[in-house]
Amino acid sequence: MCIVVFAGGEDYEVMEGITKFVVNLHAKSCAYQAWEISGLPCKHAAACIARKRANLEEYCDEYYSKETYLRAHGGIIHPIFDENMWLPGNHEPVEPPSLRRLPGRPKKNRRRELDELAPGSQSRERQTLVKCRTPNFQLAHVKRIKMMGSFLTRGLAMVFGYAYPAYECYKTVEKNKPEIEQLRFWCQYWILVAVLTVCERVGDTFISWVPMYSEAKVAFFIYLWYPKTKGTTYVYDSFFRPYLSKHETEIDRNLLELRTRAGDIAVLYWEKAANYGQTRVFEILQYFASQSTSRPRPAQVSIDQDK
């Protein structure tokens, strides 16, 4: 994935993995140098053009245009005679160069590159150096580190966001005389966690790419239940409860309408399914009845044969 940073004018900085590329749309150049070679915008240039919301075809070389194609094939290719009808020339025929065998035993193996190992080589140090110099290995190494970091942050979110608060809530509930304030605190906490989970599932496509998002979520979970901060009370009383109290009547009305519509739709589809089932069963019974009346009885056939 390419991250584009606008530098000013027609200059952009594109980050791909851990590598930075400088792109200039006006000069049609990119540090990757694929744009200059092929005449077509590379993936870094395409990301900058998409961020600028410009037309990608305007940055392609003119040799890829329809006008250039028609101009190149607009001339006439004149026909020529068969080779047997050609007039003989005064020049000597061109012969291939004579082959000269080099001294020594001829080589059977091809020439290898400087960083290419011979078949069957067991040099681990050499293999490691060759792999580290390739960009694909570096990119795979970075992806592996990111995957391990993502796995670690998810595990921390499960522990500090769900497992530990659930255990504290269990201890509060199982007390002989549970404190109302503690029960109220943990109820508010789970309400906020439920709202956060729903919002995360809905907007995961838009917020998952934000840097340090998982780490910020873990820090927010700890901020909510940590004894010295107890951010649950502040977030609930300052943001969640005022908003929900303001729209509570509207939410209840919408839920009631949704329940009514859902019940009506369920009844309608149930009636349609019942009518369809009755029609199909009646057709099957009619089919079996018609088959039984059209088939002759074996006893009558034998009597007719005797007569």
Protein backbone atom coordinates (compact mmCIF):
# COMPACT_ATOMS: atom_id res chain seq x y z
CA MET A 1 0.00 0.00 0.00
CA CYS A 2 1.34 3.44 -0.96
CA ILE A 3 0.98 6.40 1.43
CA VAL A 4 1.02 9.74 -0.44
CA VAL A 5 2.20 12.98 1.18
CA PHE A 6 1.68 16.25 -0.72
CA ALA A 7 4.86 18.33 -0.73
CA GLY A 8 3.67 21.33 -2.75
CA GLY A 9 3.18 22.18 -6.39
CA GLU A 10 3.52 18.98 -8.39
CA ASP A 11 5.87 17.23 -5.94
CA TYR A 12 4.76 14.28 -3.81
CA GLU A 13 6.42 11.87 -1.42
CA VAL A 14 5.20 8.27 -1.61
CA MET A 15 5.92 5.79 1.18
CA GLU A 16 5.81 2.10 0.27
CA GLY A 17 6.79 -0.06 3.20
CA ILE A 18 9.99 1.51 4.52
CA THR A 19 11.06 3.02 1.19
CA LYS A 20 10.32 6.60 0.11
CA PHE A 21 9.91 7.70 -3.51
CA VAL A 22 9.81 11.27 -4.86
CA VAL A 23 7.28 11.89 -7.64
CA ASN A 24 6.99 15.00 -9.84
CA LEU A 25 3.83 14.97 -11.95
CA HIS A 26 4.84 17.97 -14.04
CA ALA A 27 8.16 16.38 -15.09
CA LYS A 28 6.56 12.93 -15.29
CA SER A 29 9.30 11.44 -13.18
CA CYS A 30 9.52 9.05 -10.26
CA ALA A 31 12.50 7.84 -8.27
CA TYR A 32 11.41 4.30 -9.11
CA GLN A 33 12.30 5.20 -12.78
CA ALA A 34 9.68 2.90 -14.26
CA TRP A 35 7.66 5.89 -15.51
CA GLU A 36 10.59 7.27 -17.54
CA ILE A 37 11.32 3.87 -19.10
CA SER A 38 7.82 2.75 -20.11
CA GLY A 39 6.09 6.10 -20.51
CA LEU A 40 3.22 4.85 -18.32
CA PRO A 41 2.72 6.06 -14.72
CA CYS A 42 4.03 3.58 -12.16
CA LYS A 43 2.07 2.64 -9.03
CA HIS A 44 3.61 5.52 -7.06
CA ALA A 45 2.69 8.06 -9.73
CA ALA A 46 -0.79 6.52 -10.06
CA ALA A 47 -1.32 6.97 -6.29
CA CYS A 48 -0.34 10.66 -6.57
CA ILE A 49 -2.63 11.16 -9.59
CA ALA A 50 -5.51 9.54 -7.72
CA ARG A 51 -4.91 11.82 -4.74
CA LYS A 52 -4.92 14.81 -7.07
CA ARG A 53 -8.15 13.44 -8.64
CA ALA A 54 -6.75 13.93 -12.12
CA ASN A 55 -7.17 11.82 -15.23
CA LEU A 56 -4.59 9.05 -15.44
CA GLU A 57 -4.54 9.10 -19.25
CA GLU A 58 -3.26 12.70 -19.29
CA TYR A 59 0.01 11.56 -17.73
CA CYS A 60 0.67 8.75 -20.21
CA ASP A 61 3.23 9.29 -22.99
CA GLU A 62 1.91 10.63 -26.27
CA TYR A 63 3.11 7.50 -28.05
CA TYR A 64 0.27 5.58 -26.36
CA SER A 65 -2.39 7.92 -27.75
CA LYS A 66 -4.83 7.03 -30.48
CA GLU A 67 -3.56 9.84 -32.75
CA THR A 68 0.02 8.51 -32.63
CA TYR A 69 -1.20 5.00 -33.40
CA LEU A 70 -3.17 6.18 -36.43
CA ARG A 71 -0.24 8.27 -37.58
CA ALA A 72 2.14 5.32 -37.32
CA HIS A 73 -0.12 3.03 -39.33
CA GLY A 74 -1.43 5.68 -41.71
CA GLY A 75 1.18 5.06 -44.40
CA ILE A 76 1.02 2.46 -47.15
CA ILE A 77 3.14 -0.68 -47.00
CA HIS A 78 3.93 -1.26 -50.67
CA PRO A 79 3.93 -4.87 -51.90
CA ILE A 80 7.13 -6.49 -53.22
CA PHE A 81 7.86 -9.29 -55.66
CA ASP A 82 8.60 -12.82 -54.66
CA GLU A 83 12.25 -13.61 -53.86
CA ASN A 84 12.55 -15.73 -57.02
CA MET A 85 11.81 -12.63 -59.17
CA TRP A 86 14.50 -10.45 -57.64
CA LEU A 87 17.23 -9.24 -60.03
CA PRO A 88 20.72 -10.53 -59.24
CA GLY A 89 23.07 -7.96 -57.78
CA ASN A 90 26.77 -7.31 -58.35
CA HIS A 91 27.77 -7.77 -54.72
CA GLU A 92 29.12 -10.94 -53.20
CA PRO A 93 26.75 -13.04 -51.14
CA VAL A 94 26.92 -12.50 -47.37
CA GLU A 95 28.18 -15.58 -45.56
CA PRO A 96 28.10 -16.24 -41.82
CA PRO A 97 31.39 -15.79 -39.96
CA SER A 98 33.63 -18.81 -39.70
CA LEU A 99 33.66 -20.56 -36.36
CA ARG A 100 36.96 -20.99 -34.56
CA ARG A 101 37.29 -23.44 -31.74
CA LEU A 102 38.87 -21.93 -28.65
CA PRO A 103 41.76 -23.74 -26.98
CA GLY A 104 41.03 -25.91 -23.98
CA ARG A 105 38.09 -28.03 -22.94
CA PRO A 106 34.73 -26.44 -23.79
CA LYS A 107 32.60 -25.32 -20.83
CA LYS A 108 29.30 -27.07 -20.28
CA ASN A 109 27.90 -24.89 -17.50
CA ARG A 110 26.59 -21.40 -18.10
CA ARG A 111 28.15 -18.32 -16.61
CA ARG A 112 26.61 -17.43 -13.27
CA GLU A 113 26.01 -14.03 -11.74
CA LEU A 114 28.29 -12.70 -9.02
CA ASP A 115 25.64 -13.17 -6.30
CA GLU A 116 24.39 -16.53 -7.60
CA LEU A 117 25.36 -19.69 -5.76
CA ALA A 118 26.53 -22.81 -7.51
CA PRO A 119 24.14 -25.78 -7.36
CA GLY A 120 24.63 -27.85 -4.21
CA SER A 121 26.40 -25.08 -2.31
CA GLN A 122 25.92 -25.19 1.48
CA SER A 123 27.28 -21.74 2.33
CA ARG A 124 24.64 -20.37 4.70
CA GLU A 125 26.46 -17.07 5.17
CA ARG A 126 26.49 -16.50 1.43
CA GLN A 127 22.80 -17.37 1.13
CA THR A 128 21.91 -14.96 3.94
CA LEU A 129 23.84 -12.11 2.35
CA VAL A 130 22.21 -12.65 -1.02
CA LYS A 131 18.73 -12.75 0.46
CA CYS A 132 19.28 -9.61 2.52
CA ARG A 133 20.34 -7.64 -0.55
CA THR A 134 17.09 -8.36 -2.40
CA PRO A 135 14.23 -5.87 -1.81
CA ASN A 136 11.63 -8.65 -1.76
CA PHE A 137 13.30 -10.21 1.27
CA GLN A 138 13.35 -6.86 3.07
CA LEU A 139 9.69 -6.29 2.26
CA ALA A 140 8.78 -9.76 3.52
CA HIS A 141 10.76 -9.07 6.71
CA VAL A 142 8.86 -5.82 7.29
CA LYS A 143 5.51 -7.56 6.67
CA ARG A 144 6.46 -10.27 9.18
CA ILE A 145 7.29 -7.67 11.82
CA LYS A 146 4.01 -5.83 11.18
CA MET A 147 2.08 -9.10 11.47
CA MET A 148 3.72 -9.90 14.80
CA GLY A 149 2.99 -6.37 16.07
CA SER A 150 -0.65 -6.62 15.01
CA PHE A 151 -1.00 -10.01 16.72
CA LEU A 152 0.55 -8.62 19.93
CA THR A 153 -1.70 -5.55 20.05
CA ARG A 154 -4.80 -7.66 19.44
CA GLY A 155 -3.81 -9.93 22.30
CA LEU A 156 -3.29 -6.94 24.60
CA ALA A 157 -6.68 -5.54 23.58
CA MET A 158 -8.35 -8.84 24.45
CA VAL A 159 -6.62 -8.99 27.86
CA PHE A 160 -6.94 -5.33 28.96
CA GLY A 161 -10.24 -4.61 27.21
CA TYR A 162 -12.27 -7.75 27.94
CA ALA A 163 -10.60 -10.42 30.11
CA TYR A 164 -9.39 -8.27 33.03
CA PRO A 165 -12.52 -6.06 33.21
CA ALA A 166 -14.70 -9.18 33.06
CA TYR A 167 -12.80 -10.65 36.02
CA GLU A 168 -13.15 -7.43 38.04
CA CYS A 169 -16.85 -7.32 37.21
CA TYR A 170 -17.18 -10.95 38.35
CA LYS A 171 -15.57 -10.14 41.72
CA THR A 172 -17.91 -7.17 42.17
CA VAL A 173 -21.04 -9.22 41.40
CA GLU A 174 -20.06 -12.16 43.62
CA LYS A 175 -19.60 -10.04 46.73
CA ASN A 176 -21.98 -10.65 49.62
CA LYS A 177 -23.11 -7.03 49.45
CA PRO A 178 -22.19 -5.58 46.06
CA GLU A 179 -21.70 -1.85 45.96
CA ILE A 180 -24.15 0.00 43.73
CA GLU A 181 -21.49 2.42 42.54
CA GLN A 182 -19.21 -0.39 41.45
CA LEU A 183 -22.02 -2.17 39.60
CA ARG A 184 -23.00 1.11 37.95
CA PHE A 185 -19.37 1.73 36.94
CA TRP A 186 -18.96 -1.66 35.28
CA CYS A 187 -22.34 -1.43 33.54
CA GLN A 188 -21.29 1.91 32.09
CA TYR A 189 -17.95 0.41 31.05
CA TRP A 190 -19.56 -2.47 29.14
CA ILE A 191 -21.99 -0.07 27.47
CA LEU A 192 -19.08 2.02 26.18
CA VAL A 193 -17.19 -1.10 25.05
CA ALA A 194 -20.29 -2.33 23.19
CA VAL A 195 -20.67 1.04 21.42
CA LEU A 196 -16.97 1.07 20.55
CA THR A 197 -17.16 -2.47 19.16
CA VAL A 198 -20.18 -1.65 16.98
CA CYS A 199 -18.55 1.52 15.63
CA GLU A 200 -15.34 -0.37 14.96
CA ARG A 201 -17.12 -3.09 13.00
CA VAL A 202 -19.03 -0.54 10.93
CA GLY A 203 -16.10 1.80 10.25
CA ASP A 204 -13.26 -0.73 10.20
CA THR A 205 -12.56 0.00 6.52
CA PHE A 206 -12.08 3.70 7.20
CA ILE A 207 -10.14 3.68 10.48
CA SER A 208 -8.07 0.47 10.42
CA TRP A 209 -5.34 2.11 8.32
CA VAL A 210 -4.76 4.89 10.87
CA PRO A 211 -1.22 4.55 12.34
CA MET A 212 -1.06 3.31 15.95
CA TYR A 213 -4.82 2.63 15.92
CA SER A 214 -4.59 -0.69 17.80
CA GLU A 215 -2.21 0.75 20.37
CA ALA A 216 -4.54 3.72 20.92
CA LYS A 217 -7.48 1.34 21.44
CA VAL A 218 -5.56 -0.58 24.12
CA ALA A 219 -4.65 2.69 25.84
CA PHE A 220 -8.30 3.80 25.72
CA PHE A 221 -9.45 0.53 27.33
CA ILE A 222 -6.95 0.98 30.16
CA TYR A 223 -8.00 4.64 30.57
CA LEU A 224 -11.62 3.56 31.01
CA TRP A 225 -11.11 1.14 33.95
CA TYR A 226 -7.81 2.24 35.50
CA PRO A 227 -8.50 3.17 39.17
CA LYS A 228 -6.63 6.49 39.04
CA THR A 229 -8.32 7.73 35.87
CA LYS A 230 -11.68 5.90 35.73
CA GLY A 231 -12.45 7.49 32.41
CA THR A 232 -15.67 5.50 32.13
CA THR A 233 -17.57 7.89 34.37
CA TYR A 234 -16.26 10.96 32.54
CA VAL A 235 -16.95 9.62 29.03
CA TYR A 236 -20.36 8.26 29.96
CA ASP A 237 -21.59 11.37 31.81
CA SER A 238 -20.03 13.92 29.45
CA PHE A 239 -20.71 12.44 26.01
CA PHE A 240 -22.77 9.26 25.90
CA ARG A 241 -25.62 9.94 28.34
CA PRO A 242 -26.42 13.51 27.12
CA TYR A 243 -26.54 12.37 23.51
CA LEU A 244 -28.67 9.31 24.25
CA SER A 245 -31.05 11.23 26.52
CA LYS A 246 -31.59 13.79 23.79
CA HIS A 247 -32.50 11.16 21.15
CA GLU A 248 -34.02 8.48 23.39
CA THR A 249 -37.61 9.13 22.30
CA GLU A 250 -36.69 9.05 18.63
CA ILE A 251 -34.70 5.82 19.03
CA ASP A 252 -37.59 4.11 20.87
CA ARG A 253 -40.02 5.16 18.14
CA ASN A 254 -37.77 3.83 15.39
CA LEU A 255 -37.29 0.54 17.23
CA LEU A 256 -41.05 0.15 17.64
CA GLU A 257 -41.61 0.81 13.93
CA LEU A 258 -38.88 -1.65 13.06
CA ARG A 259 -40.45 -4.36 15.23
CA THR A 260 -43.86 -3.75 13.66
CA ARG A 261 -42.49 -3.88 10.12
CA ALA A 262 -40.43 -6.96 10.89
CA GLY A 263 -43.52 -8.74 12.24
CA ASP A 264 -45.61 -7.78 9.22
CA ILE A 265 -42.90 -8.92 6.81
CA ALA A 266 -42.51 -12.23 8.65
CA VAL A 267 -46.28 -12.86 8.53
CA LEU A 268 -46.43 -11.96 4.83
CA TYR A 269 -43.60 -14.31 3.88
CA TRP A 270 -45.08 -17.06 6.05
CA GLU A 271 -48.41 -16.78 4.24
CA LYS A 272 -46.66 -16.86 0.86
CA ALA A 273 -44.63 -19.92 1.86
CA ALA A 274 -47.77 -21.70 3.13
CA ASN A 275 -49.70 -20.98 -0.07
CA TYR A 276 -46.76 -22.10 -2.20
CA GLY A 277 -46.44 -25.33 -0.18
CA GLN A 278 -50.16 -26.08 -0.47
CA THR A 279 -50.09 -25.50 -4.23
CA ARG A 280 -47.09 -27.78 -4.74
CA VAL A 281 -48.57 -30.56 -2.56
CA PHE A 282 -51.86 -30.38 -4.47
CA GLU A 283 -50.01 -30.60 -7.82
CA ILE A 284 -48.05 -33.65 -6.61
CA LEU A 285 -51.25 -35.39 -5.49
CA GLN A 286 -52.87 -34.66 -8.84
CA TYR A 287 -49.83 -36.07 -10.66
CA PHE A 288 -49.93 -39.36 -8.70
CA ALA A 289 -53.70 -39.60 -9.21
CA SER A 290 -53.36 -39.18 -12.99
CA GLN A 291 -50.59 -41.78 -13.13
CA SER A 292 -52.63 -44.33 -11.20
CA THR A 293 -55.75 -43.94 -13.45
CA SER A 294 -53.85 -44.12 -16.76
CA ARG A 295 -51.89 -47.30 -15.89
CA PRO A 296 -53.78 -50.58 -16.91
CA ARG A 297 -54.46 -53.22 -14.31
CA PRO A 298 -52.52 -56.52 -14.69
CA ALA A 299 -55.57 -58.70 -13.94
CA GLN A 300 -57.66 -57.27 -16.75
CA VAL A 301 -54.81 -57.69 -19.24
CA SER A 302 -54.41 -61.40 -18.40
CA ILE A 303 -58.21 -62.02 -18.77
CA ASP A 304 -58.20 -60.36 -22.19
CA GLN A 305 -55.32 -62.56 -23.30
CA ASP A 306 -57.18 -65.74 -22.23
CA LYS A 307 -60.22 -64.77 -24.26
